Each structure stands twice: as C-alpha cells, then as structure tokens.
Amino acid sequence: MAELRRRGLVTAVIYSGPFLKLGKAQARTFGVPDLPLLEITHPLGGISLDGVKARAEQAAPQFAELVRGHIK
C-alpha cells in the first residue's frame, strides 16, 4: 500500500475503531504518514455477509471523496 501511495496512486487503508492508532503507526513506519485511513464500524471479523456489505457501504463514500479530491 505504501509503495502504491508513493507512486502517486490513490490508496487508503480501511480500519475499524480500535485499530486507528495501529493504522497511523504503520503508515509512519512505512514512510507514508499522510496515508488516508477510512473508518468502518467495529468489528469486521465474525459478522455476516450482510454485515460486511454494510461496512463496505460505510467505506465507499469515504473512498469516493478521496478520489474526487485527488483528481482536482
């Protein structure tokens, strides 16, 4: 992900609430502290397919906004 970001591609990491601190730390570690982090409701593991779809619906508008901002 970090390499793709450095190459100028629109990238982001999707995380759930408890993993924000880890996501920020990993972004810094891999040299992309500005890597966008898109939040979804926790948890993701152990939920139904409908629950996973709902999480994707949370992330999709955030990613669309990121892409719109990138192509200005």
PDB file of N, CA and C in Angstrom:
ATOM      1  N   MET A   1       0.823  -1.179   0.000  1.00  0.00           N
ATOM      2  CA  MET A   1       0.000   0.000   0.000  1.00  0.00           C
ATOM      3  C   MET A   1       0.875   1.253   0.000  1.00  0.00           C
ATOM      4  N   ALA A   2       1.885   1.253   0.831  1.00  0.00           N
ATOM      5  CA  ALA A   2       2.762   2.417   0.925  1.00  0.00           C
ATOM      6  C   ALA A   2       3.468   2.684  -0.402  1.00  0.00           C
ATOM      7  N   GLU A   3       3.924   1.629  -1.048  1.00  0.00           N
ATOM      8  CA  GLU A   3       4.617   1.794  -2.329  1.00  0.00           C
ATOM      9  C   GLU A   3       3.676   2.355  -3.384  1.00  0.00           C
ATOM     10  N   LEU A   4       2.450   1.885  -3.411  1.00  0.00           N
ATOM     11  CA  LEU A   4       1.473   2.411  -4.363  1.00  0.00           C
ATOM     12  C   LEU A   4       1.221   3.893  -4.115  1.00  0.00           C
ATOM     13  N   ARG A   5       1.120   4.271  -2.859  1.00  0.00           N
ATOM     14  CA  ARG A   5       0.909   5.678  -2.489  1.00  0.00           C
ATOM     15  C   ARG A   5       2.093   6.523  -2.952  1.00  0.00           C
ATOM     16  N   ARG A   6       3.302   6.032  -2.724  1.00  0.00           N
ATOM     17  CA  ARG A   6       4.487   6.781  -3.147  1.00  0.00           C
ATOM     18  C   ARG A   6       4.540   6.938  -4.661  1.00  0.00           C
ATOM     19  N   ARG A   7       3.954   6.014  -5.385  1.00  0.00           N
ATOM     20  CA  ARG A   7       3.925   6.099  -6.852  1.00  0.00           C
ATOM     21  C   ARG A   7       2.808   7.006  -7.362  1.00  0.00           C
ATOM     22  N   GLY A   8       2.054   7.595  -6.440  1.00  0.00           N
ATOM     23  CA  GLY A   8       1.028   8.554  -6.829  1.00  0.00           C
ATOM     24  C   GLY A   8      -0.366   7.987  -7.021  1.00  0.00           C
ATOM     25  N   LEU A   9      -0.547   6.714  -6.709  1.00  0.00           N
ATOM     26  CA  LEU A   9      -1.873   6.119  -6.855  1.00  0.00           C
ATOM     27  C   LEU A   9      -2.740   6.477  -5.649  1.00  0.00           C
ATOM     28  N   VAL A  10      -4.036   6.575  -5.892  1.00  0.00           N
ATOM     29  CA  VAL A  10      -4.970   6.844  -4.803  1.00  0.00           C
ATOM     30  C   VAL A  10      -5.103   5.564  -3.991  1.00  0.00           C
ATOM     31  N   THR A  11      -4.725   5.631  -2.729  1.00  0.00           N
ATOM     32  CA  THR A  11      -4.787   4.476  -1.848  1.00  0.00           C
ATOM     33  C   THR A  11      -5.306   4.896  -0.483  1.00  0.00           C
ATOM     34  N   ALA A  12      -5.797   3.940   0.240  1.00  0.00           N
ATOM     35  CA  ALA A  12      -6.256   4.176   1.612  1.00  0.00           C
ATOM     36  C   ALA A  12      -6.272   2.841   2.329  1.00  0.00           C
ATOM     37  N   VAL A  13      -6.299   2.905   3.639  1.00  0.00           N
ATOM     38  CA  VAL A  13      -6.452   1.716   4.465  1.00  0.00           C
ATOM     39  C   VAL A  13      -7.771   1.835   5.199  1.00  0.00           C
ATOM     40  N   ILE A  14      -8.530   0.769   5.185  1.00  0.00           N
ATOM     41  CA  ILE A  14      -9.798   0.729   5.895  1.00  0.00           C
ATOM     42  C   ILE A  14      -9.546   0.097   7.256  1.00  0.00           C
ATOM     43  N   TYR A  15     -10.022   0.744   8.310  1.00  0.00           N
ATOM     44  CA  TYR A  15      -9.818   0.238   9.661  1.00  0.00           C
ATOM     45  C   TYR A  15     -11.113   0.346  10.447  1.00  0.00           C
ATOM     46  N   SER A  16     -11.199  -0.416  11.520  1.00  0.00           N
ATOM     47  CA  SER A  16     -12.307  -0.239  12.456  1.00  0.00           C
ATOM     48  C   SER A  16     -11.746   0.414  13.714  1.00  0.00           C
ATOM     49  N   GLY A  17     -12.600   1.102  14.427  1.00  0.00           N
ATOM     50  CA  GLY A  17     -12.243   1.966  15.546  1.00  0.00           C
ATOM     51  C   GLY A  17     -11.027   1.611  16.367  1.00  0.00           C
ATOM     52  N   PRO A  18     -10.955   0.421  16.944  1.00  0.00           N
ATOM     53  CA  PRO A  18      -9.827   0.108  17.819  1.00  0.00           C
ATOM     54  C   PRO A  18      -8.469   0.086  17.118  1.00  0.00           C
ATOM     55  N   PHE A  19      -8.448   0.095  15.802  1.00  0.00           N
ATOM     56  CA  PHE A  19      -7.196  -0.045  15.070  1.00  0.00           C
ATOM     57  C   PHE A  19      -6.663   1.262  14.494  1.00  0.00           C
ATOM     58  N   LEU A  20      -7.270   2.389  14.869  1.00  0.00           N
ATOM     59  CA  LEU A  20      -6.804   3.680  14.362  1.00  0.00           C
ATOM     60  C   LEU A  20      -5.357   3.940  14.752  1.00  0.00           C
ATOM     61  N   LYS A  21      -5.023   3.766  15.999  1.00  0.00           N
ATOM     62  CA  LYS A  21      -3.662   4.027  16.473  1.00  0.00           C
ATOM     63  C   LYS A  21      -2.650   3.147  15.731  1.00  0.00           C
ATOM     64  N   LEU A  22      -2.980   1.878  15.547  1.00  0.00           N
ATOM     65  CA  LEU A  22      -2.108   0.966  14.808  1.00  0.00           C
ATOM     66  C   LEU A  22      -1.960   1.415  13.360  1.00  0.00           C
ATOM     67  N   GLY A  23      -3.056   1.802  12.730  1.00  0.00           N
ATOM     68  CA  GLY A  23      -3.003   2.256  11.339  1.00  0.00           C
ATOM     69  C   GLY A  23      -2.103   3.462  11.163  1.00  0.00           C
ATOM     70  N   LYS A  24      -2.213   4.427  12.066  1.00  0.00           N
ATOM     71  CA  LYS A  24      -1.366   5.610  11.996  1.00  0.00           C
ATOM     72  C   LYS A  24       0.104   5.256  12.209  1.00  0.00           C
ATOM     73  N   ALA A  25       0.356   4.372  13.160  1.00  0.00           N
ATOM     74  CA  ALA A  25       1.734   3.955  13.434  1.00  0.00           C
ATOM     75  C   ALA A  25       2.337   3.231  12.236  1.00  0.00           C
ATOM     76  N   GLN A  26       1.573   2.350  11.625  1.00  0.00           N
ATOM     77  CA  GLN A  26       2.069   1.607  10.466  1.00  0.00           C
ATOM     78  C   GLN A  26       2.330   2.546   9.289  1.00  0.00           C
ATOM     79  N   ALA A  27       1.444   3.519   9.083  1.00  0.00           N
ATOM     80  CA  ALA A  27       1.646   4.477   7.995  1.00  0.00           C
ATOM     81  C   ALA A  27       2.967   5.226   8.187  1.00  0.00           C
ATOM     82  N   ARG A  28       3.228   5.664   9.417  1.00  0.00           N
ATOM     83  CA  ARG A  28       4.502   6.351   9.694  1.00  0.00           C
ATOM     84  C   ARG A  28       5.685   5.410   9.475  1.00  0.00           C
ATOM     85  N   THR A  29       5.567   4.181   9.974  1.00  0.00           N
ATOM     86  CA  THR A  29       6.646   3.200   9.849  1.00  0.00           C
ATOM     87  C   THR A  29       7.012   2.949   8.392  1.00  0.00           C
ATOM     88  N   PHE A  30       5.996   2.901   7.535  1.00  0.00           N
ATOM     89  CA  PHE A  30       6.238   2.618   6.118  1.00  0.00           C
ATOM     90  C   PHE A  30       6.481   3.873   5.291  1.00  0.00           C
ATOM     91  N   GLY A  31       6.629   5.020   5.970  1.00  0.00           N
ATOM     92  CA  GLY A  31       7.022   6.239   5.286  1.00  0.00           C
ATOM     93  C   GLY A  31       5.922   6.984   4.568  1.00  0.00           C
ATOM     94  N   VAL A  32       4.674   6.724   4.912  1.00  0.00           N
ATOM     95  CA  VAL A  32       3.549   7.440   4.294  1.00  0.00           C
ATOM     96  C   VAL A  32       2.599   7.942   5.387  1.00  0.00           C
ATOM     97  N   PRO A  33       3.077   8.885   6.198  1.00  0.00           N
ATOM     98  CA  PRO A  33       2.252   9.343   7.320  1.00  0.00           C
ATOM     99  C   PRO A  33       0.952  10.005   6.898  1.00  0.00           C
ATOM    100  N   ASP A  34       0.855  10.403   5.629  1.00  0.00           N
ATOM    101  CA  ASP A  34      -0.366  11.023   5.131  1.00  0.00           C
ATOM    102  C   ASP A  34      -1.329  10.014   4.496  1.00  0.00           C
ATOM    103  N   LEU A  35      -1.049   8.733   4.654  1.00  0.00           N
ATOM    104  CA  LEU A  35      -1.907   7.692   4.088  1.00  0.00           C
ATOM    105  C   LEU A  35      -3.317   7.827   4.665  1.00  0.00           C
ATOM    106  N   PRO A  36      -4.324   7.994   3.816  1.00  0.00           N
ATOM    107  CA  PRO A  36      -5.684   8.127   4.322  1.00  0.00           C
ATOM    108  C   PRO A  36      -6.155   6.844   5.010  1.00  0.00           C
ATOM    109  N   LEU A  37      -6.843   7.022   6.115  1.00  0.00           N
ATOM    110  CA  LEU A  37      -7.421   5.919   6.867  1.00  0.00           C
ATOM    111  C   LEU A  37      -8.934   6.097   6.860  1.00  0.00           C
ATOM    112  N   LEU A  38      -9.638   5.099   6.354  1.00  0.00           N
ATOM    113  CA  LEU A  38     -11.091   5.163   6.240  1.00  0.00           C
ATOM    114  C   LEU A  38     -11.715   4.293   7.318  1.00  0.00           C
ATOM    115  N   GLU A  39     -12.564   4.890   8.149  1.00  0.00           N
ATOM    116  CA  GLU A  39     -13.111   4.180   9.300  1.00  0.00           C
ATOM    117  C   GLU A  39     -14.427   3.475   8.984  1.00  0.00           C
ATOM    118  N   ILE A  40     -14.523   2.238   9.460  1.00  0.00           N
ATOM    119  CA  ILE A  40     -15.774   1.492   9.436  1.00  0.00           C
ATOM    120  C   ILE A  40     -16.093   1.066  10.871  1.00  0.00           C
ATOM    121  N   THR A  41     -17.311   0.642  11.082  1.00  0.00           N
ATOM    122  CA  THR A  41     -17.744   0.190  12.397  1.00  0.00           C
ATOM    123  C   THR A  41     -17.049  -1.113  12.774  1.00  0.00           C
ATOM    124  N   HIS A  42     -16.649  -1.200  14.023  1.00  0.00           N
ATOM    125  CA  HIS A  42     -16.019  -2.412  14.566  1.00  0.00           C
ATOM    126  C   HIS A  42     -17.112  -3.333  15.091  1.00  0.00           C
ATOM    127  N   PRO A  43     -16.995  -4.618  14.971  1.00  0.00           N
ATOM    128  CA  PRO A  43     -15.915  -5.402  14.384  1.00  0.00           C
ATOM    129  C   PRO A  43     -16.211  -5.716  12.922  1.00  0.00           C
ATOM    130  N   LEU A  44     -15.213  -6.239  12.246  1.00  0.00           N
ATOM    131  CA  LEU A  44     -15.408  -6.760  10.900  1.00  0.00           C
ATOM    132  C   LEU A  44     -15.397  -8.283  10.931  1.00  0.00           C
ATOM    133  N   GLY A  45     -14.521  -8.842  11.729  1.00  0.00           N
ATOM    134  CA  GLY A  45     -14.441 -10.299  11.821  1.00  0.00           C
ATOM    135  C   GLY A  45     -15.644 -10.901  12.531  1.00  0.00           C
ATOM    136  N   GLY A  46     -16.060 -12.053  12.062  1.00  0.00           N
ATOM    137  CA  GLY A  46     -17.121 -12.787  12.728  1.00  0.00           C
ATOM    138  C   GLY A  46     -18.524 -12.270  12.473  1.00  0.00           C
ATOM    139  N   ILE A  47     -18.690 -11.409  11.454  1.00  0.00           N
ATOM    140  CA  ILE A  47     -20.025 -10.900  11.160  1.00  0.00           C
ATOM    141  C   ILE A  47     -20.560 -11.539   9.882  1.00  0.00           C
ATOM    142  N   SER A  48     -21.842 -11.381   9.666  1.00  0.00           N
ATOM    143  CA  SER A  48     -22.493 -11.968   8.492  1.00  0.00           C
ATOM    144  C   SER A  48     -22.065 -11.250   7.214  1.00  0.00           C
ATOM    145  N   LEU A  49     -22.368 -11.870   6.090  1.00  0.00           N
ATOM    146  CA  LEU A  49     -22.078 -11.254   4.799  1.00  0.00           C
ATOM    147  C   LEU A  49     -22.809  -9.918   4.676  1.00  0.00           C
ATOM    148  N   ASP A  50     -24.036  -9.850   5.169  1.00  0.00           N
ATOM    149  CA  ASP A  50     -24.767  -8.579   5.143  1.00  0.00           C
ATOM    150  C   ASP A  50     -24.046  -7.518   5.978  1.00  0.00           C
ATOM    151  N   GLY A  51     -23.459  -7.927   7.094  1.00  0.00           N
ATOM    152  CA  GLY A  51     -22.685  -7.005   7.915  1.00  0.00           C
ATOM    153  C   GLY A  51     -21.457  -6.494   7.191  1.00  0.00           C
ATOM    154  N   VAL A  52     -20.798  -7.384   6.460  1.00  0.00           N
ATOM    155  CA  VAL A  52     -19.626  -6.985   5.685  1.00  0.00           C
ATOM    156  C   VAL A  52     -20.039  -5.992   4.595  1.00  0.00           C
ATOM    157  N   LYS A  53     -21.154  -6.271   3.947  1.00  0.00           N
ATOM    158  CA  LYS A  53     -21.651  -5.345   2.913  1.00  0.00           C
ATOM    159  C   LYS A  53     -21.947  -3.978   3.513  1.00  0.00           C
ATOM    160  N   ALA A  54     -22.520  -3.969   4.701  1.00  0.00           N
ATOM    161  CA  ALA A  54     -22.807  -2.695   5.376  1.00  0.00           C
ATOM    162  C   ALA A  54     -21.525  -1.927   5.657  1.00  0.00           C
ATOM    163  N   ARG A  55     -20.472  -2.626   6.052  1.00  0.00           N
ATOM    164  CA  ARG A  55     -19.187  -1.968   6.303  1.00  0.00           C
ATOM    165  C   ARG A  55     -18.628  -1.391   4.998  1.00  0.00           C
ATOM    166  N   ALA A  56     -18.777  -2.145   3.915  1.00  0.00           N
ATOM    167  CA  ALA A  56     -18.314  -1.654   2.608  1.00  0.00           C
ATOM    168  C   ALA A  56     -19.076  -0.397   2.211  1.00  0.00           C
ATOM    169  N   GLU A  57     -20.358  -0.361   2.521  1.00  0.00           N
ATOM    170  CA  GLU A  57     -21.153   0.831   2.219  1.00  0.00           C
ATOM    171  C   GLU A  57     -20.693   2.027   3.041  1.00  0.00           C
ATOM    172  N   GLN A  58     -20.132   1.790   4.205  1.00  0.00           N
ATOM    173  CA  GLN A  58     -19.564   2.881   5.004  1.00  0.00           C
ATOM    174  C   GLN A  58     -18.284   3.411   4.367  1.00  0.00           C
ATOM    175  N   ALA A  59     -17.466   2.523   3.864  1.00  0.00           N
ATOM    176  CA  ALA A  59     -16.167   2.911   3.325  1.00  0.00           C
ATOM    177  C   ALA A  59     -16.262   3.521   1.930  1.00  0.00           C
ATOM    178  N   ALA A  60     -17.217   3.091   1.129  1.00  0.00           N
ATOM    179  CA  ALA A  60     -17.293   3.519  -0.271  1.00  0.00           C
ATOM    180  C   ALA A  60     -17.398   5.035  -0.435  1.00  0.00           C
ATOM    181  N   PRO A  61     -18.280   5.732   0.279  1.00  0.00           N
ATOM    182  CA  PRO A  61     -18.346   7.184   0.098  1.00  0.00           C
ATOM    183  C   PRO A  61     -17.059   7.891   0.544  1.00  0.00           C
ATOM    184  N   GLN A  62     -16.414   7.366   1.565  1.00  0.00           N
ATOM    185  CA  GLN A  62     -15.156   7.956   2.020  1.00  0.00           C
ATOM    186  C   GLN A  62     -14.087   7.824   0.933  1.00  0.00           C
ATOM    187  N   PHE A  63     -14.054   6.656   0.288  1.00  0.00           N
ATOM    188  CA  PHE A  63     -13.073   6.447  -0.772  1.00  0.00           C
ATOM    189  C   PHE A  63     -13.404   7.297  -1.988  1.00  0.00           C
ATOM    190  N   ALA A  64     -14.688   7.409  -2.323  1.00  0.00           N
ATOM    191  CA  ALA A  64     -15.100   8.242  -3.457  1.00  0.00           C
ATOM    192  C   ALA A  64     -14.674   9.692  -3.237  1.00  0.00           C
ATOM    193  N   GLU A  65     -14.831  10.188  -2.014  1.00  0.00           N
ATOM    194  CA  GLU A  65     -14.408  11.553  -1.705  1.00  0.00           C
ATOM    195  C   GLU A  65     -12.903  11.696  -1.843  1.00  0.00           C
ATOM    196  N   LEU A  66     -12.168  10.701  -1.420  1.00  0.00           N
ATOM    197  CA  LEU A  66     -10.710  10.704  -1.560  1.00  0.00           C
ATOM    198  C   LEU A  66     -10.319  10.785  -3.025  1.00  0.00           C
ATOM    199  N   VAL A  67     -10.965   9.995  -3.871  1.00  0.00           N
ATOM    200  CA  VAL A  67     -10.658  10.000  -5.305  1.00  0.00           C
ATOM    201  C   VAL A  67     -11.009  11.347  -5.915  1.00  0.00           C
ATOM    202  N   ARG A  68     -12.176  11.885  -5.561  1.00  0.00           N
ATOM    203  CA  ARG A  68     -12.562  13.191  -6.087  1.00  0.00           C
ATOM    204  C   ARG A  68     -11.529  14.263  -5.730  1.00  0.00           C
ATOM    205  N   GLY A  69     -11.049  14.224  -4.514  1.00  0.00           N
ATOM    206  CA  GLY A  69     -10.047  15.195  -4.077  1.00  0.00           C
ATOM    207  C   GLY A  69      -8.708  15.028  -4.786  1.00  0.00           C
ATOM    208  N   HIS A  70      -8.424  13.819  -5.204  1.00  0.00           N
ATOM    209  CA  HIS A  70      -7.137  13.523  -5.854  1.00  0.00           C
ATOM    210  C   HIS A  70      -7.101  13.987  -7.302  1.00  0.00           C
ATOM    211  N   ILE A  71      -8.243  14.028  -7.971  1.00  0.00           N
ATOM    212  CA  ILE A  71      -8.246  14.348  -9.406  1.00  0.00           C
ATOM    213  C   ILE A  71      -8.565  15.794  -9.715  1.00  0.00           C
ATOM    214  N   LYS A  72      -8.507  16.658  -8.700  1.00  0.00           N
ATOM    215  CA  LYS A  72      -8.771  18.088  -8.937  1.00  0.00           C
ATOM    216  C   LYS A  72      -7.718  18.691  -9.825  1.00  0.00           C
TER     217      LYS A  72
END
